[in-house]
Amino acid sequence: MTSSSAPSRKALSKIACNRLQKELTEWQVNPPTGFRHKVNDNLQKWTIDVTGAPGTLYENETYQLQVVFFPPGPLHPHIYSNGHICLDILYDSWSPAMTVSSVCISILSMLSSSPAKERPADNDRYVKNCKNGRSPKETRWWFHDDKV
C-alpha cells in the first residue's frame, strides 16, 4: 500500500507481489469487519473504505484509506489534516508478520478508542512542513500517547 500522491519508488519484488496477492485473496474470502477493498489493478495501491465501529465517535462514518487517509480524513488526535497517521505499527513497530487486515484493524481500533474528535495539537505546523509531497515515512514520529 502506498500513498496515491507519491510515485512508486521501486518495483515490488516477486515475493512481495506474491504476498500481496495472497493477502488480497484472503481479504476477498474473509474481509475484516468494517472494511471494504475497492478493486483496482495495482497491488501496490490498495484503496480501502473504513467504516467507524458501532458505539464510537465515528459510528457509520466512512473514510478512504491508502496508509494515509484521503481527504477528508477523520478528526482524530493522531490523524493529521493531510491524512498522515501517527501510529507506530506503520513505521517503527511494523513487522513482516503484520497483514493488511491486521493494520486496518489497528487503525480502526485507534479510531474507536478516541474520546474526542480533534486534530493533533501540532497539526498546522506538521502539515505546513509536509508541503511539496513529503511522505509520512520521512517523519521522525514521536510515539508518546498510546491512550488513543
C-alpha atoms as a PDB file:
ATOM      1  CA  MET A   1       0.000   0.000   0.000  1.00  0.00           C
ATOM      2  CA  THR A   2       1.419   3.367  -0.958  1.00  0.00           C
ATOM      3  CA  SER A   3       0.202   6.917  -0.968  1.00  0.00           C
ATOM      4  CA  SER A   4      -1.619   7.863  -4.144  1.00  0.00           C
ATOM      5  CA  SER A   5       0.274  11.169  -4.312  1.00  0.00           C
ATOM      6  CA  ALA A   6       3.722   9.574  -4.279  1.00  0.00           C
ATOM      7  CA  PRO A   7       5.081   7.625  -7.231  1.00  0.00           C
ATOM      8  CA  SER A   8       6.284   4.102  -6.562  1.00  0.00           C
ATOM      9  CA  ARG A   9       9.946   4.349  -5.593  1.00  0.00           C
ATOM     10  CA  LYS A  10      10.760   0.865  -6.882  1.00  0.00           C
ATOM     11  CA  ALA A  11       9.028  -2.123  -8.326  1.00  0.00           C
ATOM     12  CA  LEU A  12       7.917  -4.758  -5.867  1.00  0.00           C
ATOM     13  CA  SER A  13       9.859  -7.993  -5.743  1.00  0.00           C
ATOM     14  CA  LYS A  14       8.182 -11.209  -6.869  1.00  0.00           C
ATOM     15  CA  ILE A  15       7.992 -12.293  -3.210  1.00  0.00           C
ATOM     16  CA  ALA A  16       6.234  -9.046  -2.221  1.00  0.00           C
ATOM     17  CA  CYS A  17       3.803  -9.332  -5.150  1.00  0.00           C
ATOM     18  CA  ASN A  18       3.007 -12.944  -4.236  1.00  0.00           C
ATOM     19  CA  ARG A  19       2.385 -11.962  -0.620  1.00  0.00           C
ATOM     20  CA  LEU A  20       0.095  -9.072  -1.552  1.00  0.00           C
ATOM     21  CA  GLN A  21      -1.808 -11.292  -3.992  1.00  0.00           C
ATOM     22  CA  LYS A  22      -2.245 -13.917  -1.246  1.00  0.00           C
ATOM     23  CA  GLU A  23      -3.444 -11.253   1.222  1.00  0.00           C
ATOM     24  CA  LEU A  24      -5.871  -9.864  -1.349  1.00  0.00           C
ATOM     25  CA  THR A  25      -7.297 -13.343  -1.984  1.00  0.00           C
ATOM     26  CA  GLU A  26      -7.682 -13.918   1.772  1.00  0.00           C
ATOM     27  CA  TRP A  27      -9.286 -10.471   2.139  1.00  0.00           C
ATOM     28  CA  GLN A  28     -11.823 -11.270  -0.578  1.00  0.00           C
ATOM     29  CA  VAL A  29     -12.778 -14.518   1.182  1.00  0.00           C
ATOM     30  CA  ASN A  30     -12.833 -13.091   4.711  1.00  0.00           C
ATOM     31  CA  PRO A  31     -12.681  -9.269   4.843  1.00  0.00           C
ATOM     32  CA  PRO A  32     -12.259  -7.677   8.271  1.00  0.00           C
ATOM     33  CA  THR A  33     -15.474  -6.199   9.652  1.00  0.00           C
ATOM     34  CA  GLY A  34     -15.827  -2.504   8.842  1.00  0.00           C
ATOM     35  CA  PHE A  35     -13.555  -2.537   5.780  1.00  0.00           C
ATOM     36  CA  ARG A  36     -14.140  -2.783   2.054  1.00  0.00           C
ATOM     37  CA  HIS A  37     -11.372  -3.088  -0.533  1.00  0.00           C
ATOM     38  CA  LYS A  38     -12.008  -1.046  -3.664  1.00  0.00           C
ATOM     39  CA  VAL A  39     -10.828  -3.118  -6.587  1.00  0.00           C
ATOM     40  CA  ASN A  40      -8.149  -1.719  -8.884  1.00  0.00           C
ATOM     41  CA  ASP A  41      -5.394  -3.230 -10.999  1.00  0.00           C
ATOM     42  CA  ASN A  42      -2.447  -2.170  -8.819  1.00  0.00           C
ATOM     43  CA  LEU A  43      -1.375  -4.433  -5.951  1.00  0.00           C
ATOM     44  CA  GLN A  44       0.736  -1.607  -4.517  1.00  0.00           C
ATOM     45  CA  LYS A  45      -2.228   0.756  -4.136  1.00  0.00           C
ATOM     46  CA  TRP A  46      -4.999  -0.728  -2.048  1.00  0.00           C
ATOM     47  CA  THR A  47      -7.829   1.714  -1.534  1.00  0.00           C
ATOM     48  CA  ILE A  48      -9.887   0.690   1.478  1.00  0.00           C
ATOM     49  CA  ASP A  49     -13.156   2.092   2.785  1.00  0.00           C
ATOM     50  CA  VAL A  50     -13.112   2.219   6.601  1.00  0.00           C
ATOM     51  CA  THR A  51     -16.445   2.449   8.418  1.00  0.00           C
ATOM     52  CA  GLY A  52     -16.460   3.619  12.041  1.00  0.00           C
ATOM     53  CA  ALA A  53     -17.362   0.952  14.585  1.00  0.00           C
ATOM     54  CA  PRO A  54     -20.767   0.983  16.317  1.00  0.00           C
ATOM     55  CA  GLY A  55     -20.852   2.863  19.626  1.00  0.00           C
ATOM     56  CA  THR A  56     -17.841   5.080  18.806  1.00  0.00           C
ATOM     57  CA  LEU A  57     -17.486   8.715  17.760  1.00  0.00           C
ATOM     58  CA  TYR A  58     -17.007   7.537  14.172  1.00  0.00           C
ATOM     59  CA  GLU A  59     -20.023   5.182  14.017  1.00  0.00           C
ATOM     60  CA  ASN A  60     -21.356   4.830  10.450  1.00  0.00           C
ATOM     61  CA  GLU A  61     -18.852   7.371   9.081  1.00  0.00           C
ATOM     62  CA  THR A  62     -16.839   6.103   6.116  1.00  0.00           C
ATOM     63  CA  TYR A  63     -13.332   7.215   5.150  1.00  0.00           C
ATOM     64  CA  GLN A  64     -10.960   6.123   2.398  1.00  0.00           C
ATOM     65  CA  LEU A  65      -7.548   4.829   3.379  1.00  0.00           C
ATOM     66  CA  GLN A  66      -4.327   4.117   1.493  1.00  0.00           C
ATOM     67  CA  VAL A  67      -1.966   4.052   4.522  1.00  0.00           C
ATOM     68  CA  VAL A  68      -2.881   7.730   4.662  1.00  0.00           C
ATOM     69  CA  PHE A  69      -6.479   8.867   4.757  1.00  0.00           C
ATOM     70  CA  PHE A  70      -7.889  10.574   1.686  1.00  0.00           C
ATOM     71  CA  PRO A  71      -9.380  13.981   2.476  1.00  0.00           C
ATOM     72  CA  PRO A  72     -11.470  14.484   4.391  1.00  0.00           C
ATOM     73  CA  GLY A  73      -9.865  12.195   6.948  1.00  0.00           C
ATOM     74  CA  PRO A  74     -11.416  11.686  10.350  1.00  0.00           C
ATOM     75  CA  LEU A  75     -10.811  14.268  13.078  1.00  0.00           C
ATOM     76  CA  HIS A  76      -8.589  12.334  15.477  1.00  0.00           C
ATOM     77  CA  PRO A  77      -5.681  13.221  17.800  1.00  0.00           C
ATOM     78  CA  HIS A  78      -3.324  11.019  15.712  1.00  0.00           C
ATOM     79  CA  ILE A  79      -4.538  11.826  12.193  1.00  0.00           C
ATOM     80  CA  TYR A  80      -3.284  14.999  10.540  1.00  0.00           C
ATOM     81  CA  SER A  81      -5.458  17.028   8.172  1.00  0.00           C
ATOM     82  CA  ASN A  82      -3.275  15.897   5.243  1.00  0.00           C
ATOM     83  CA  GLY A  83      -4.203  12.266   6.055  1.00  0.00           C
ATOM     84  CA  HIS A  84      -0.930  11.193   7.670  1.00  0.00           C
ATOM     85  CA  ILE A  85      -1.419   8.773  10.562  1.00  0.00           C
ATOM     86  CA  CYS A  86       0.776   8.734  13.653  1.00  0.00           C
ATOM     87  CA  LEU A  87       0.616   5.033  14.528  1.00  0.00           C
ATOM     88  CA  ASP A  88       3.765   3.106  15.456  1.00  0.00           C
ATOM     89  CA  ILE A  89       2.891  -0.074  13.526  1.00  0.00           C
ATOM     90  CA  LEU A  90       3.025   1.922  10.298  1.00  0.00           C
ATOM     91  CA  TYR A  91       6.642   2.870  10.976  1.00  0.00           C
ATOM     92  CA  ASP A  92       8.952   1.818  13.834  1.00  0.00           C
ATOM     93  CA  SER A  93       6.938  -1.174  15.066  1.00  0.00           C
ATOM     94  CA  TRP A  94       5.963  -2.607  11.677  1.00  0.00           C
ATOM     95  CA  SER A  95       6.747  -6.287  11.239  1.00  0.00           C
ATOM     96  CA  PRO A  96       6.550  -8.591   8.212  1.00  0.00           C
ATOM     97  CA  ALA A  97       4.174 -10.727  10.293  1.00  0.00           C
ATOM     98  CA  MET A  98       1.555  -7.971  10.001  1.00  0.00           C
ATOM     99  CA  THR A  99      -1.018  -8.220   7.252  1.00  0.00           C
ATOM    100  CA  VAL A 100      -3.037  -5.534   5.536  1.00  0.00           C
ATOM    101  CA  SER A 101      -6.025  -6.767   7.560  1.00  0.00           C
ATOM    102  CA  SER A 102      -4.202  -6.527  10.894  1.00  0.00           C
ATOM    103  CA  VAL A 103      -3.003  -2.995  10.092  1.00  0.00           C
ATOM    104  CA  CYS A 104      -6.554  -1.964   9.148  1.00  0.00           C
ATOM    105  CA  ILE A 105      -7.931  -3.423  12.375  1.00  0.00           C
ATOM    106  CA  SER A 106      -5.297  -1.483  14.347  1.00  0.00           C
ATOM    107  CA  ILE A 107      -6.315   1.739  12.611  1.00  0.00           C
ATOM    108  CA  LEU A 108      -9.995   1.076  13.383  1.00  0.00           C
ATOM    109  CA  SER A 109      -9.080   0.308  16.998  1.00  0.00           C
ATOM    110  CA  MET A 110      -7.196   3.611  17.190  1.00  0.00           C
ATOM    111  CA  LEU A 111     -10.263   5.432  15.840  1.00  0.00           C
ATOM    112  CA  SER A 112     -12.604   3.584  18.179  1.00  0.00           C
ATOM    113  CA  SER A 113     -10.641   4.473  21.313  1.00  0.00           C
ATOM    114  CA  SER A 114     -10.712   8.226  20.708  1.00  0.00           C
ATOM    115  CA  PRO A 115     -12.621  10.231  23.335  1.00  0.00           C
ATOM    116  CA  ALA A 116     -12.787  13.379  21.154  1.00  0.00           C
ATOM    117  CA  LYS A 117     -12.823  14.393  17.510  1.00  0.00           C
ATOM    118  CA  GLU A 118      -9.874  16.754  17.234  1.00  0.00           C
ATOM    119  CA  ARG A 119      -6.687  17.217  15.244  1.00  0.00           C
ATOM    120  CA  PRO A 120      -3.218  16.731  16.741  1.00  0.00           C
ATOM    121  CA  ALA A 121      -2.015  19.814  18.616  1.00  0.00           C
ATOM    122  CA  ASP A 122       0.809  20.314  16.090  1.00  0.00           C
ATOM    123  CA  ASN A 123      -1.392  19.762  13.010  1.00  0.00           C
ATOM    124  CA  ASP A 124      -0.832  23.134  11.307  1.00  0.00           C
ATOM    125  CA  ARG A 125       2.958  23.080  11.757  1.00  0.00           C
ATOM    126  CA  TYR A 126       3.230  19.453  10.606  1.00  0.00           C
ATOM    127  CA  VAL A 127       1.033  19.905   7.527  1.00  0.00           C
ATOM    128  CA  LYS A 128       2.922  23.069   6.555  1.00  0.00           C
ATOM    129  CA  ASN A 129       6.203  21.126   6.763  1.00  0.00           C
ATOM    130  CA  CYS A 130       4.752  18.382   4.545  1.00  0.00           C
ATOM    131  CA  LYS A 131       4.090  20.662   1.588  1.00  0.00           C
ATOM    132  CA  ASN A 132       5.558  19.503  -1.720  1.00  0.00           C
ATOM    133  CA  GLY A 133       4.597  15.852  -1.206  1.00  0.00           C
ATOM    134  CA  ARG A 134       6.631  14.916   1.853  1.00  0.00           C
ATOM    135  CA  SER A 135       5.865  11.314   2.775  1.00  0.00           C
ATOM    136  CA  PRO A 136       4.900  10.308   6.340  1.00  0.00           C
ATOM    137  CA  LYS A 137       7.816   7.831   6.114  1.00  0.00           C
ATOM    138  CA  GLU A 138      10.162  10.836   6.134  1.00  0.00           C
ATOM    139  CA  THR A 139       8.823  11.963   9.516  1.00  0.00           C
ATOM    140  CA  ARG A 140      10.611  11.174  12.753  1.00  0.00           C
ATOM    141  CA  TRP A 141       7.481  10.281  14.731  1.00  0.00           C
ATOM    142  CA  TRP A 142       7.376  10.575  18.496  1.00  0.00           C
ATOM    143  CA  PHE A 143       5.011   7.859  19.769  1.00  0.00           C
ATOM    144  CA  HIS A 144       4.219   9.226  23.211  1.00  0.00           C
ATOM    145  CA  ASP A 145       0.466   8.749  23.552  1.00  0.00           C
ATOM    146  CA  ASP A 146      -0.898   5.211  23.422  1.00  0.00           C
ATOM    147  CA  LYS A 147      -4.229   6.043  25.077  1.00  0.00           C
ATOM    148  CA  VAL A 148      -5.961   6.974  21.789  1.00  0.00           C
END
